[in-house]
Each structure stands twice: as structure tokens, then as C-alpha cells.
Amino acid sequence: MVSFDAGSAMMSMMFQAQKMGLATHAMGGFDAQKALEWSKLDSKEYQAMCVVAIGYQGSVDDLQQEFKDREVPSSRKSLDKVYTLVQ
């Protein structure tokens, strides 16, 4: 159940951040042991499950070109198309 609790807590934190005008980005592929060492948490008592960056979103113009090229619209269906499917 720990992962469920962590996911619920992360979702709440991300919603609150958005309400406060902040952007969030959840990341996997991090070194869990280093994260625990950095935060001075005991690995026998805690488990690092994810990393979330929180901050103010900058301008695309400030990005290096390699990252700027990745800033393209999502290929996901728009919310109005998804919503009509469930009505």
C-alpha cells in the first residue's frame, strides 16, 4: 500500500502546486539510494519512490535548441474528444 499512498500524496502535491501557479514534473530513473542519502533519510525506514521537480515554468525561448525542438504539441486526443466518448 505504500506505493498507493505515495501516488496519492504526489497527486495532491501536484494539484496544489498547479493551483499556486507552479509547474511539476514527475521523474523515474533516479538513484533511490542517492536520493535517500541527499535527504538524510534512513533507507531502513524510508523508500524513495519518485522524484518531482516543482517550480515556475520558464519560457521556451530560454531553452537550449536540443530541448526547444522537443517542445511540440501533444499527440493525445483533446479533452473535448475524450469527453464526448464517455457521455
C-alpha atoms as a PDB file:
ATOM      1  CA  MET A   1       0.000   0.000   0.000  1.00  0.00           C
ATOM      2  CA  VAL A   2       2.964   2.330   0.368  1.00  0.00           C
ATOM      3  CA  SER A   3       3.154   2.981  -3.378  1.00  0.00           C
ATOM      4  CA  PHE A   4      -0.573   3.784  -3.488  1.00  0.00           C
ATOM      5  CA  ASP A   5      -0.142   6.263  -0.635  1.00  0.00           C
ATOM      6  CA  ALA A   6       2.871   7.832  -2.347  1.00  0.00           C
ATOM      7  CA  GLY A   7       0.944   8.203  -5.601  1.00  0.00           C
ATOM      8  CA  SER A   8      -1.999   9.810  -3.829  1.00  0.00           C
ATOM      9  CA  ALA A   9       0.282  12.193  -1.958  1.00  0.00           C
ATOM     10  CA  MET A  10       2.132  13.096  -5.155  1.00  0.00           C
ATOM     11  CA  MET A  11      -1.137  13.796  -6.978  1.00  0.00           C
ATOM     12  CA  SER A  12      -2.327  16.082  -4.183  1.00  0.00           C
ATOM     13  CA  MET A  13       1.008  17.899  -4.142  1.00  0.00           C
ATOM     14  CA  MET A  14       0.902  18.361  -7.942  1.00  0.00           C
ATOM     15  CA  PHE A  15      -2.673  19.702  -7.838  1.00  0.00           C
ATOM     16  CA  GLN A  16      -1.753  22.149  -5.089  1.00  0.00           C
ATOM     17  CA  ALA A  17       1.342  23.273  -6.977  1.00  0.00           C
ATOM     18  CA  GLN A  18      -0.728  23.940 -10.101  1.00  0.00           C
ATOM     19  CA  LYS A  19      -3.230  25.932  -8.038  1.00  0.00           C
ATOM     20  CA  MET A  20      -0.301  28.040  -6.807  1.00  0.00           C
ATOM     21  CA  GLY A  21       0.915  28.692 -10.368  1.00  0.00           C
ATOM     22  CA  LEU A  22       3.773  26.208 -10.242  1.00  0.00           C
ATOM     23  CA  ALA A  23       4.682  23.518 -12.745  1.00  0.00           C
ATOM     24  CA  THR A  24       5.540  19.943 -11.734  1.00  0.00           C
ATOM     25  CA  HIS A  25       7.351  17.128 -13.465  1.00  0.00           C
ATOM     26  CA  ALA A  26       7.495  13.611 -12.025  1.00  0.00           C
ATOM     27  CA  MET A  27      10.599  11.624 -12.915  1.00  0.00           C
ATOM     28  CA  GLY A  28      11.630   7.998 -12.745  1.00  0.00           C
ATOM     29  CA  GLY A  29      15.059   6.598 -13.409  1.00  0.00           C
ATOM     30  CA  PHE A  30      16.745   8.257 -10.441  1.00  0.00           C
ATOM     31  CA  ASP A  31      19.212   6.761  -7.970  1.00  0.00           C
ATOM     32  CA  ALA A  32      16.991   5.936  -4.979  1.00  0.00           C
ATOM     33  CA  GLN A  33      19.920   5.366  -2.627  1.00  0.00           C
ATOM     34  CA  LYS A  34      21.488   8.732  -3.501  1.00  0.00           C
ATOM     35  CA  ALA A  35      18.116  10.429  -3.028  1.00  0.00           C
ATOM     36  CA  LEU A  36      17.856   8.992   0.470  1.00  0.00           C
ATOM     37  CA  GLU A  37      21.440   9.981   1.275  1.00  0.00           C
ATOM     38  CA  TRP A  38      20.886  13.515  -0.039  1.00  0.00           C
ATOM     39  CA  SER A  39      17.728  13.923   2.035  1.00  0.00           C
ATOM     40  CA  LYS A  40      19.412  12.336   5.083  1.00  0.00           C
ATOM     41  CA  LEU A  41      16.683   9.690   5.379  1.00  0.00           C
ATOM     42  CA  ASP A  42      17.328   6.200   6.735  1.00  0.00           C
ATOM     43  CA  SER A  43      16.923   3.577   3.979  1.00  0.00           C
ATOM     44  CA  LYS A  44      15.757   1.065   6.623  1.00  0.00           C
ATOM     45  CA  GLU A  45      12.821   3.314   7.448  1.00  0.00           C
ATOM     46  CA  TYR A  46      12.094   5.045   4.103  1.00  0.00           C
ATOM     47  CA  GLN A  47      11.850   4.051   0.452  1.00  0.00           C
ATOM     48  CA  ALA A  48      12.463   6.551  -2.353  1.00  0.00           C
ATOM     49  CA  MET A  49       9.740   6.046  -4.976  1.00  0.00           C
ATOM     50  CA  CYS A  50       9.872   9.057  -7.281  1.00  0.00           C
ATOM     51  CA  VAL A  51      11.337  12.500  -7.774  1.00  0.00           C
ATOM     52  CA  VAL A  52       9.176  15.523  -8.553  1.00  0.00           C
ATOM     53  CA  ALA A  53      10.562  18.822  -9.802  1.00  0.00           C
ATOM     54  CA  ILE A  54       8.477  21.829  -8.761  1.00  0.00           C
ATOM     55  CA  GLY A  55       8.992  25.390  -9.942  1.00  0.00           C
ATOM     56  CA  TYR A  56       7.854  28.211 -12.156  1.00  0.00           C
ATOM     57  CA  GLN A  57       7.737  27.328 -15.837  1.00  0.00           C
ATOM     58  CA  GLY A  58      10.176  29.327 -17.900  1.00  0.00           C
ATOM     59  CA  SER A  59       9.947  30.448 -21.484  1.00  0.00           C
ATOM     60  CA  VAL A  60      10.603  28.024 -24.343  1.00  0.00           C
ATOM     61  CA  ASP A  61      12.842  30.739 -25.799  1.00  0.00           C
ATOM     62  CA  ASP A  62      15.255  30.266 -22.876  1.00  0.00           C
ATOM     63  CA  LEU A  63      15.840  26.575 -23.658  1.00  0.00           C
ATOM     64  CA  GLN A  64      18.865  25.190 -25.468  1.00  0.00           C
ATOM     65  CA  GLN A  65      17.976  24.257 -29.055  1.00  0.00           C
ATOM     66  CA  GLU A  66      18.023  20.490 -28.412  1.00  0.00           C
ATOM     67  CA  PHE A  67      15.312  20.904 -25.757  1.00  0.00           C
ATOM     68  CA  LYS A  68      13.418  23.562 -27.682  1.00  0.00           C
ATOM     69  CA  ASP A  69      12.976  21.065 -30.542  1.00  0.00           C
ATOM     70  CA  ARG A  70      11.187  18.682 -28.153  1.00  0.00           C
ATOM     71  CA  GLU A  71       8.559  21.286 -27.197  1.00  0.00           C
ATOM     72  CA  VAL A  72       5.802  20.218 -29.576  1.00  0.00           C
ATOM     73  CA  PRO A  73       2.045  19.851 -29.030  1.00  0.00           C
ATOM     74  CA  SER A  74       0.920  16.547 -27.531  1.00  0.00           C
ATOM     75  CA  SER A  75      -0.427  13.887 -29.873  1.00  0.00           C
ATOM     76  CA  ARG A  76      -3.059  12.977 -27.263  1.00  0.00           C
ATOM     77  CA  LYS A  77      -6.740  13.373 -28.017  1.00  0.00           C
ATOM     78  CA  SER A  78      -8.133  16.700 -26.886  1.00  0.00           C
ATOM     79  CA  LEU A  79     -10.299  16.659 -23.765  1.00  0.00           C
ATOM     80  CA  ASP A  80     -13.444  17.560 -25.720  1.00  0.00           C
ATOM     81  CA  LYS A  81     -12.994  14.439 -27.896  1.00  0.00           C
ATOM     82  CA  VAL A  82     -12.431  12.188 -24.889  1.00  0.00           C
ATOM     83  CA  TYR A  83     -15.357  13.696 -23.015  1.00  0.00           C
ATOM     84  CA  THR A  84     -17.777  13.013 -25.875  1.00  0.00           C
ATOM     85  CA  LEU A  85     -16.743   9.354 -25.832  1.00  0.00           C
ATOM     86  CA  VAL A  86     -17.919   8.875 -22.254  1.00  0.00           C
ATOM     87  CA  GLN A  87     -21.216  10.751 -22.491  1.00  0.00           C
END
